[in-house]
Amino acid sequence: MAAPVSDLAAILADIAAGARERDLLRRPPAEEIARLRAAGVGALRVPASEGGGGISVRELFAFAMDLSHADSNVGQILRAHFGTVEDILRWPDGDLRRTWIERITGGALIGVGNNELVALQAGDLRKTTTLTPDGDDWVLQGTKFYSTGTLYCDWSFVTGVTPDGAPAFALVPTDREGVTLEDDWDGFGQRLSASGTTRFEGVRVAAEEVFLPPPGGGPRWHLGPFYQHWLNAVIAGNLRSVRDDAVALIRGRVRSFTHGSAALPREDPVLLEVVGEISANAAAAESIVLETADVIARIGDAPDDDDVIHEAALRASEAQVAIDALGLASADLLFEVGGASATREGPNLDRHWRNIRTLASHNPARFKTRAIGDLLANGTTLPDNTYF
């Protein structure tokens, strides 16, 4: 790694210091990602014996919260990278795994090309993106959206289908001829996560860059709980920022209402109660993230055990329902602390609600609560797709 991981505290502090202005001006966090790359963040989960940080799953999710506390955009940007690394770590020892470990410890970051804006169900493995054999290689053709973070990454993990409709996956360099990255994400939240379009137009893909699942499928997808819980950690980290801004607001205000409960806002028991509620919500969300991370970590010892993966999917789903509610409620409560002046554009406090609302919309909690209720009442297994 290019820099010791101990440098992270200073890097995160700098990222946090510029988060409000970056969102206000829509300035992409390219420099911030470059600093994290140079610090070896991408290799945090790689064993120390292989040149990485050697941290646990629990420690990784704690870092995800720290990173998202600094800037939730940056936390989301690295989601696909860490999910793909988690998969690579489970590959059997061999030249391919060693090659990828060397790339990761060398600073390579991995983005994603999964979802498509076509008339298919979200999470469906059927794709319009194709991987077609051509001699010893393959040709990749298709368009992806919600390519979160790929604009800042060196590789993209792309999903598609073969000519006969079988699922296929590829790891493709983002600078290869025929790959176009478009920064066209126009959501009102997570504005800087680069969750826009990636185009693959006649891209040549080497055989060793293509992965074909075994015919007939296998056990439940072991990365589903990881990917979904990463979003929980991003919201929990953002919730800490809501708490920090609530404290700064109440300390900085000198005007109150004539009908308030004290002359100064920081002495007003009504406002103090709101700040205390926000803080309790942040603490609860953090605890939920870490406890659920321990359940997800068990998959590492049983990557082919459906029961273990299903339990992790359940816990990540239950965590999402709770954390979405805590995050959205707290982001709204922030304005009760600040009053009308908190709605001004300069402080940009609305970005917390916008960001949390956008993240929570990835996988609506209502569908999760229905699936959880169906499991408990009827024994119906949770869906086996990218959202569980």
Protein backbone atom coordinates (compact mmCIF):
# COMPACT_ATOMS: atom_id res chain seq x y z
CA MET A 1 0.00 0.00 0.00
CA ALA A 2 1.19 3.49 -0.84
CA ALA A 3 0.47 5.00 2.56
CA PRO A 4 -0.17 3.62 6.06
CA VAL A 5 -3.77 3.05 7.01
CA SER A 6 -3.11 5.23 10.08
CA ASP A 7 -3.35 8.23 7.74
CA LEU A 8 -7.06 7.59 7.34
CA ALA A 9 -8.20 9.80 10.23
CA ALA A 10 -6.68 12.88 8.63
CA ILE A 11 -8.05 11.95 5.20
CA LEU A 12 -11.56 11.43 6.57
CA ALA A 13 -11.40 14.75 8.39
CA ASP A 14 -10.50 16.52 5.15
CA ILE A 15 -13.27 14.71 3.26
CA ALA A 16 -15.78 15.77 5.92
CA ALA A 17 -14.61 19.38 5.82
CA GLY A 18 -15.47 19.70 2.14
CA ALA A 19 -18.65 17.61 1.97
CA ARG A 20 -21.14 20.48 2.28
CA GLU A 21 -19.47 22.59 -0.38
CA ARG A 22 -18.93 19.69 -2.79
CA ASP A 23 -22.62 18.88 -2.72
CA LEU A 24 -23.63 22.53 -3.07
CA LEU A 25 -21.32 23.10 -6.06
CA ARG A 26 -21.66 19.56 -7.45
CA ARG A 27 -17.91 19.09 -7.43
CA PRO A 28 -17.04 15.39 -7.87
CA PRO A 29 -14.88 13.94 -5.06
CA ALA A 30 -12.18 12.76 -7.48
CA GLU A 31 -9.32 14.10 -5.33
CA GLU A 32 -10.81 12.54 -2.22
CA ILE A 33 -11.09 9.13 -3.89
CA ALA A 34 -7.50 9.46 -5.11
CA ARG A 35 -6.30 10.06 -1.55
CA LEU A 36 -8.19 7.03 -0.28
CA ARG A 37 -6.73 4.95 -3.09
CA ALA A 38 -3.19 6.09 -2.23
CA ALA A 39 -3.81 5.23 1.42
CA GLY A 40 -4.56 1.62 0.49
CA VAL A 41 -8.21 1.75 1.50
CA GLY A 42 -9.26 -0.56 -1.32
CA ALA A 43 -7.20 -3.37 0.17
CA LEU A 44 -8.47 -3.10 3.74
CA ARG A 45 -10.10 -6.54 3.63
CA VAL A 46 -7.17 -8.28 1.91
CA PRO A 47 -5.24 -10.38 4.47
CA ALA A 48 -2.12 -8.73 5.85
CA SER A 49 -0.12 -11.74 4.65
CA GLU A 50 -1.09 -10.77 1.09
CA GLY A 51 -0.29 -7.08 1.47
CA GLY A 52 -3.65 -5.77 2.66
CA GLY A 53 -5.10 -4.26 5.79
CA GLY A 54 -6.40 -7.54 7.18
CA ILE A 55 -9.47 -6.05 8.84
CA SER A 56 -12.59 -8.04 9.77
CA VAL A 57 -16.07 -7.70 8.25
CA ARG A 58 -17.22 -5.87 11.38
CA GLU A 59 -14.29 -3.46 11.10
CA LEU A 60 -15.05 -2.89 7.43
CA PHE A 61 -18.64 -1.88 8.17
CA ALA A 62 -17.40 0.37 10.96
CA PHE A 63 -15.13 2.00 8.37
CA ALA A 64 -18.07 2.31 5.96
CA MET A 65 -19.89 4.31 8.64
CA ASP A 66 -16.82 6.46 9.30
CA LEU A 67 -16.43 7.14 5.58
CA SER A 68 -20.12 7.94 5.13
CA HIS A 69 -20.06 10.17 8.19
CA ALA A 70 -17.43 12.18 6.33
CA ASP A 71 -19.38 12.12 3.04
CA SER A 72 -22.14 9.64 2.23
CA ASN A 73 -21.38 9.99 -1.49
CA VAL A 74 -17.88 8.66 -0.95
CA GLY A 75 -19.21 5.84 1.21
CA GLN A 76 -21.56 4.73 -1.54
CA ILE A 77 -18.95 5.10 -4.29
CA LEU A 78 -16.84 2.30 -2.80
CA ARG A 79 -19.72 -0.13 -2.24
CA ALA A 80 -19.20 -2.14 -5.44
CA HIS A 81 -15.45 -2.26 -4.89
CA PHE A 82 -15.68 -3.83 -1.47
CA GLY A 83 -18.43 -6.20 -2.56
CA THR A 84 -16.31 -7.46 -5.45
CA VAL A 85 -13.25 -7.76 -3.22
CA GLU A 86 -15.32 -9.84 -0.80
CA ASP A 87 -16.05 -12.22 -3.67
CA ILE A 88 -12.44 -12.35 -4.88
CA LEU A 89 -11.25 -13.25 -1.38
CA ARG A 90 -13.32 -16.45 -1.66
CA TRP A 91 -11.81 -17.52 -4.97
CA PRO A 92 -9.60 -20.63 -4.82
CA ASP A 93 -5.89 -19.99 -4.67
CA GLY A 94 -4.40 -19.74 -8.13
CA ASP A 95 -3.04 -17.36 -10.75
CA LEU A 96 -6.34 -15.54 -11.27
CA ARG A 97 -6.88 -14.82 -7.58
CA ARG A 98 -3.25 -13.76 -7.12
CA THR A 99 -3.49 -11.42 -10.12
CA TRP A 100 -6.54 -9.71 -8.68
CA ILE A 101 -5.13 -9.47 -5.17
CA GLU A 102 -2.06 -7.77 -6.65
CA ARG A 103 -4.28 -5.34 -8.55
CA ILE A 104 -6.26 -4.51 -5.42
CA THR A 105 -3.22 -4.04 -3.20
CA GLY A 106 -1.74 -1.94 -6.00
CA GLY A 107 -4.63 0.50 -5.70
CA ALA A 108 -7.13 -0.69 -8.32
CA LEU A 109 -10.76 0.21 -7.59
CA ILE A 110 -13.76 -1.66 -8.98
CA GLY A 111 -17.11 -0.19 -10.00
CA VAL A 112 -20.31 -1.81 -11.21
CA GLY A 113 -22.36 -2.31 -14.38
CA ASN A 114 -25.47 -4.20 -13.33
CA ASN A 115 -28.83 -2.47 -13.68
CA GLU A 116 -30.48 -1.49 -16.93
CA LEU A 117 -33.26 1.01 -17.65
CA VAL A 118 -35.36 -1.45 -19.60
CA ALA A 119 -38.73 -3.11 -19.05
CA LEU A 120 -37.39 -5.81 -16.76
CA GLN A 121 -37.85 -6.19 -13.04
CA ALA A 122 -35.14 -4.70 -10.83
CA GLY A 123 -32.93 -7.54 -9.63
CA ASP A 124 -33.79 -9.78 -12.60
CA LEU A 125 -30.81 -11.67 -13.98
CA ARG A 126 -32.21 -11.40 -17.50
CA LYS A 127 -30.26 -8.64 -19.27
CA THR A 128 -30.11 -6.94 -22.63
CA THR A 129 -26.34 -6.66 -22.18
CA THR A 130 -24.64 -9.52 -24.03
CA LEU A 131 -21.33 -11.34 -23.81
CA THR A 132 -20.77 -13.12 -27.10
CA PRO A 133 -17.87 -15.52 -27.81
CA ASP A 134 -15.55 -14.36 -30.58
CA GLY A 135 -12.56 -16.62 -31.14
CA ASP A 136 -10.64 -16.92 -27.88
CA ASP A 137 -12.24 -13.75 -26.52
CA TRP A 138 -15.68 -12.27 -25.96
CA VAL A 139 -17.48 -9.15 -27.13
CA LEU A 140 -19.45 -7.08 -24.64
CA GLN A 141 -22.40 -4.98 -25.80
CA GLY A 142 -24.91 -3.10 -23.69
CA THR A 143 -25.84 -0.06 -21.61
CA LYS A 144 -26.01 0.13 -17.83
CA PHE A 145 -27.43 2.68 -15.41
CA TYR A 146 -26.95 3.16 -11.65
CA SER A 147 -23.23 2.54 -12.28
CA THR A 148 -22.41 3.89 -8.84
CA GLY A 149 -18.78 4.84 -8.39
CA THR A 150 -17.59 3.51 -11.74
CA LEU A 151 -16.57 6.97 -12.92
CA TYR A 152 -13.84 6.91 -10.25
CA CYS A 153 -12.80 3.28 -10.76
CA ASP A 154 -10.36 1.30 -12.91
CA TRP A 155 -12.56 -1.75 -13.50
CA SER A 156 -16.26 -2.45 -13.81
CA PHE A 157 -18.02 -5.63 -12.69
CA VAL A 158 -20.53 -6.15 -15.50
CA THR A 159 -23.50 -8.53 -15.63
CA GLY A 160 -25.01 -9.82 -18.85
CA VAL A 161 -26.10 -12.91 -20.71
CA THR A 162 -24.58 -15.21 -23.31
CA PRO A 163 -26.28 -15.66 -26.71
CA ASP A 164 -28.28 -18.58 -25.29
CA GLY A 165 -29.53 -16.47 -22.38
CA ALA A 166 -27.31 -17.88 -19.62
CA PRO A 167 -26.02 -15.39 -16.97
CA ALA A 168 -22.46 -14.17 -17.51
CA PHE A 169 -20.21 -11.75 -15.68
CA ALA A 170 -17.09 -9.85 -16.64
CA LEU A 171 -14.47 -7.62 -15.02
CA VAL A 172 -13.64 -4.98 -17.61
CA PRO A 173 -11.14 -2.09 -17.49
CA THR A 174 -13.00 1.22 -17.64
CA ASP A 175 -10.42 2.71 -20.02
CA ARG A 176 -10.78 -0.05 -22.62
CA GLU A 177 -11.85 0.92 -26.13
CA GLY A 178 -15.62 0.91 -26.42
CA VAL A 179 -16.30 1.76 -22.74
CA THR A 180 -17.92 5.13 -22.13
CA LEU A 181 -18.58 6.54 -18.65
CA GLU A 182 -21.22 9.26 -18.44
CA ASP A 183 -21.66 11.44 -15.35
CA ASP A 184 -25.39 11.88 -15.98
CA TRP A 185 -26.85 10.92 -12.60
CA ASP A 186 -29.54 13.54 -11.90
CA GLY A 187 -31.04 12.32 -8.64
CA PHE A 188 -31.76 14.94 -5.99
CA GLY A 189 -29.63 13.01 -3.49
CA GLN A 190 -26.24 11.29 -3.53
CA ARG A 191 -25.51 13.71 -6.37
CA LEU A 192 -21.79 12.93 -6.48
CA SER A 193 -21.95 9.13 -6.43
CA ALA A 194 -21.65 8.92 -10.25
CA SER A 195 -24.66 6.61 -10.41
CA GLY A 196 -25.25 7.23 -14.09
CA THR A 197 -24.68 5.52 -17.43
CA THR A 198 -21.95 3.18 -18.60
CA ARG A 199 -21.93 2.10 -22.26
CA PHE A 200 -20.18 -0.98 -23.60
CA GLU A 201 -20.01 -0.87 -27.40
CA GLY A 202 -18.23 -3.81 -28.99
CA VAL A 203 -15.81 -4.12 -26.08
CA ARG A 204 -13.25 -6.90 -26.44
CA VAL A 205 -13.08 -8.98 -23.25
CA ALA A 206 -10.40 -11.58 -22.62
CA ALA A 207 -11.45 -15.09 -21.65
CA GLU A 208 -9.91 -14.74 -18.17
CA GLU A 209 -12.06 -11.63 -17.59
CA VAL A 210 -15.34 -13.54 -18.11
CA PHE A 211 -17.03 -15.68 -15.46
CA LEU A 212 -19.82 -18.15 -16.18
CA PRO A 213 -21.88 -19.50 -13.26
CA PRO A 214 -22.32 -23.27 -13.14
CA PRO A 215 -25.33 -24.55 -15.10
CA GLY A 216 -28.44 -24.89 -13.00
CA GLY A 217 -27.24 -22.31 -10.48
CA GLY A 218 -25.93 -22.94 -6.99
CA PRO A 219 -26.65 -21.83 -3.42
CA ARG A 220 -28.11 -18.43 -2.54
CA TRP A 221 -26.00 -15.50 -3.71
CA HIS A 222 -23.64 -14.90 -0.82
CA LEU A 223 -23.04 -11.20 -1.56
CA GLY A 224 -26.67 -10.06 -1.44
CA PRO A 225 -26.68 -9.34 2.32
CA PHE A 226 -23.28 -7.60 2.05
CA TYR A 227 -24.38 -5.22 -0.70
CA GLN A 228 -27.66 -4.35 0.99
CA HIS A 229 -26.11 -3.86 4.40
CA TRP A 230 -23.50 -1.54 2.93
CA LEU A 231 -26.31 0.92 2.20
CA ASN A 232 -27.45 0.57 5.82
CA ALA A 233 -23.96 1.56 6.92
CA VAL A 234 -23.93 4.56 4.58
CA ILE A 235 -27.21 5.82 6.05
CA ALA A 236 -25.99 5.19 9.60
CA GLY A 237 -22.83 7.18 8.87
CA ASN A 238 -24.90 10.01 7.42
CA LEU A 239 -27.06 9.93 10.53
CA ARG A 240 -23.97 10.79 12.56
CA SER A 241 -23.58 13.88 10.39
CA VAL A 242 -27.17 14.82 11.16
CA ARG A 243 -26.35 14.54 14.85
CA ASP A 244 -23.22 16.68 14.46
CA ASP A 245 -25.11 19.37 12.58
CA ALA A 246 -27.90 19.33 15.18
CA VAL A 247 -25.37 19.97 17.94
CA ALA A 248 -23.67 22.72 15.95
CA LEU A 249 -27.04 24.35 15.22
CA ILE A 250 -28.25 24.46 18.79
CA ARG A 251 -24.91 25.74 20.06
CA GLY A 252 -24.71 28.44 17.41
CA ARG A 253 -28.24 29.84 17.59
CA VAL A 254 -28.79 33.00 19.63
CA ARG A 255 -32.37 33.78 18.53
CA SER A 256 -35.37 31.91 19.85
CA PHE A 257 -39.13 32.43 19.72
CA THR A 258 -41.03 34.68 22.09
CA HIS A 259 -43.04 31.64 23.03
CA GLY A 260 -39.98 29.41 23.42
CA SER A 261 -39.06 27.65 26.65
CA ALA A 262 -35.77 29.52 27.26
CA ALA A 263 -33.95 32.65 26.15
CA LEU A 264 -31.23 30.69 24.35
CA PRO A 265 -31.95 27.67 22.11
CA ARG A 266 -29.21 25.62 23.74
CA GLU A 267 -31.06 26.00 27.06
CA ASP A 268 -34.49 25.23 25.64
CA PRO A 269 -35.65 21.82 26.93
CA VAL A 270 -37.84 21.27 23.86
CA LEU A 271 -34.91 21.67 21.47
CA LEU A 272 -32.57 19.73 23.74
CA GLU A 273 -35.03 16.84 23.61
CA VAL A 274 -34.91 16.87 19.81
CA VAL A 275 -31.10 16.81 19.80
CA GLY A 276 -31.13 13.95 22.27
CA GLU A 277 -33.54 11.98 20.08
CA ILE A 278 -31.35 12.45 17.02
CA SER A 279 -28.30 11.28 19.00
CA ALA A 280 -30.14 8.20 20.27
CA ASN A 281 -31.21 7.35 16.71
CA ALA A 282 -27.62 7.62 15.49
CA ALA A 283 -26.35 5.38 18.29
CA ALA A 284 -29.06 2.80 17.63
CA ALA A 285 -28.33 2.70 13.90
CA GLU A 286 -24.61 2.20 14.55
CA SER A 287 -25.29 -0.69 16.92
CA ILE A 288 -27.61 -2.33 14.39
CA VAL A 289 -24.98 -2.04 11.64
CA LEU A 290 -22.23 -3.63 13.72
CA GLU A 291 -24.39 -6.45 15.12
CA THR A 292 -25.66 -7.30 11.65
CA ALA A 293 -22.11 -7.20 10.27
CA ASP A 294 -21.24 -10.02 12.67
CA VAL A 295 -24.03 -12.13 11.17
CA ILE A 296 -22.85 -11.38 7.63
CA ALA A 297 -19.30 -12.34 8.63
CA ARG A 298 -20.48 -15.92 9.25
CA ILE A 299 -20.94 -16.34 5.50
CA GLY A 300 -17.15 -16.36 5.17
CA ASP A 301 -17.03 -19.68 7.00
CA ALA A 302 -19.96 -21.15 5.07
CA PRO A 303 -20.21 -19.48 1.63
CA ASP A 304 -22.29 -22.35 0.23
CA ASP A 305 -24.67 -22.72 3.19
CA ASP A 306 -28.12 -21.45 2.19
CA ASP A 307 -29.29 -21.25 5.81
CA VAL A 308 -26.38 -19.04 6.86
CA ILE A 309 -26.80 -16.75 3.86
CA HIS A 310 -30.58 -16.60 4.34
CA GLU A 311 -30.15 -15.62 7.99
CA ALA A 312 -27.80 -12.84 6.94
CA ALA A 313 -30.32 -11.68 4.32
CA LEU A 314 -33.03 -11.57 6.98
CA ARG A 315 -30.92 -9.61 9.43
CA ALA A 316 -29.75 -7.14 6.78
CA SER A 317 -33.36 -6.65 5.69
CA GLU A 318 -34.57 -6.06 9.24
CA ALA A 319 -31.67 -3.67 9.75
CA GLN A 320 -32.67 -1.73 6.65
CA VAL A 321 -36.25 -1.26 7.81
CA ALA A 322 -35.07 0.14 11.14
CA ILE A 323 -32.20 2.26 9.85
CA ASP A 324 -34.18 3.81 6.98
CA ALA A 325 -36.79 4.96 9.49
CA LEU A 326 -34.24 6.28 11.97
CA GLY A 327 -32.32 8.12 9.28
CA LEU A 328 -35.28 9.79 7.61
CA ALA A 329 -36.83 10.79 10.93
CA SER A 330 -33.59 12.32 12.16
CA ALA A 331 -32.94 14.23 8.94
CA ASP A 332 -36.39 15.77 9.34
CA LEU A 333 -35.92 16.50 13.05
CA LEU A 334 -32.79 18.49 12.21
CA PHE A 335 -35.00 21.34 10.98
CA GLU A 336 -36.87 21.43 14.28
CA VAL A 337 -33.54 22.25 15.92
CA GLY A 338 -32.63 24.97 13.43
CA GLY A 339 -35.87 26.66 12.52
CA ALA A 340 -36.41 28.57 9.29
CA SER A 341 -32.78 29.69 8.98
CA ALA A 342 -31.74 26.03 8.70
CA THR A 343 -33.60 25.80 5.39
CA ARG A 344 -31.32 28.33 3.69
CA GLU A 345 -29.23 27.04 0.79
CA GLY A 346 -25.83 27.97 2.23
CA PRO A 347 -25.80 25.54 5.18
CA ASN A 348 -27.07 22.85 2.79
CA LEU A 349 -28.61 20.89 5.64
CA ASP A 350 -31.25 19.43 3.38
CA ARG A 351 -28.58 17.28 1.73
CA HIS A 352 -28.85 14.81 4.62
CA TRP A 353 -32.53 14.14 3.98
CA ARG A 354 -31.97 14.09 0.21
CA ASN A 355 -29.10 11.62 0.55
CA ILE A 356 -30.83 9.32 3.02
CA ARG A 357 -34.08 9.38 1.02
CA THR A 358 -32.18 8.48 -2.16
CA LEU A 359 -30.34 5.60 -0.50
CA ALA A 360 -33.55 4.29 1.09
CA SER A 361 -35.22 4.34 -2.33
CA HIS A 362 -32.74 1.80 -3.73
CA ASN A 363 -34.68 -1.03 -2.19
CA PRO A 364 -37.98 0.19 -0.72
CA ALA A 365 -38.47 -0.97 2.86
CA ARG A 366 -42.15 -1.77 2.23
CA PHE A 367 -41.17 -4.69 0.02
CA LYS A 368 -38.75 -5.83 2.71
CA THR A 369 -41.35 -5.73 5.49
CA ARG A 370 -43.77 -7.72 3.33
CA ALA A 371 -41.11 -10.37 2.64
CA ILE A 372 -40.17 -10.55 6.32
CA GLY A 373 -43.81 -10.90 7.34
CA ASP A 374 -44.37 -13.62 4.74
CA LEU A 375 -41.35 -15.50 6.08
CA LEU A 376 -42.52 -15.31 9.68
CA ALA A 377 -46.21 -16.04 9.03
CA ASN A 378 -45.96 -18.53 6.19
CA GLY A 379 -42.37 -19.78 6.11
CA THR A 380 -41.81 -18.27 2.66
CA THR A 381 -38.09 -18.02 1.89
CA LEU A 382 -36.78 -14.54 1.20
CA PRO A 383 -36.18 -13.78 -2.50
CA ASP A 384 -32.78 -14.85 -3.81
CA ASN A 385 -31.66 -11.81 -5.75
CA THR A 386 -29.37 -8.80 -5.48
CA TYR A 387 -31.77 -7.02 -3.11
CA PHE A 388 -31.64 -9.60 -0.30
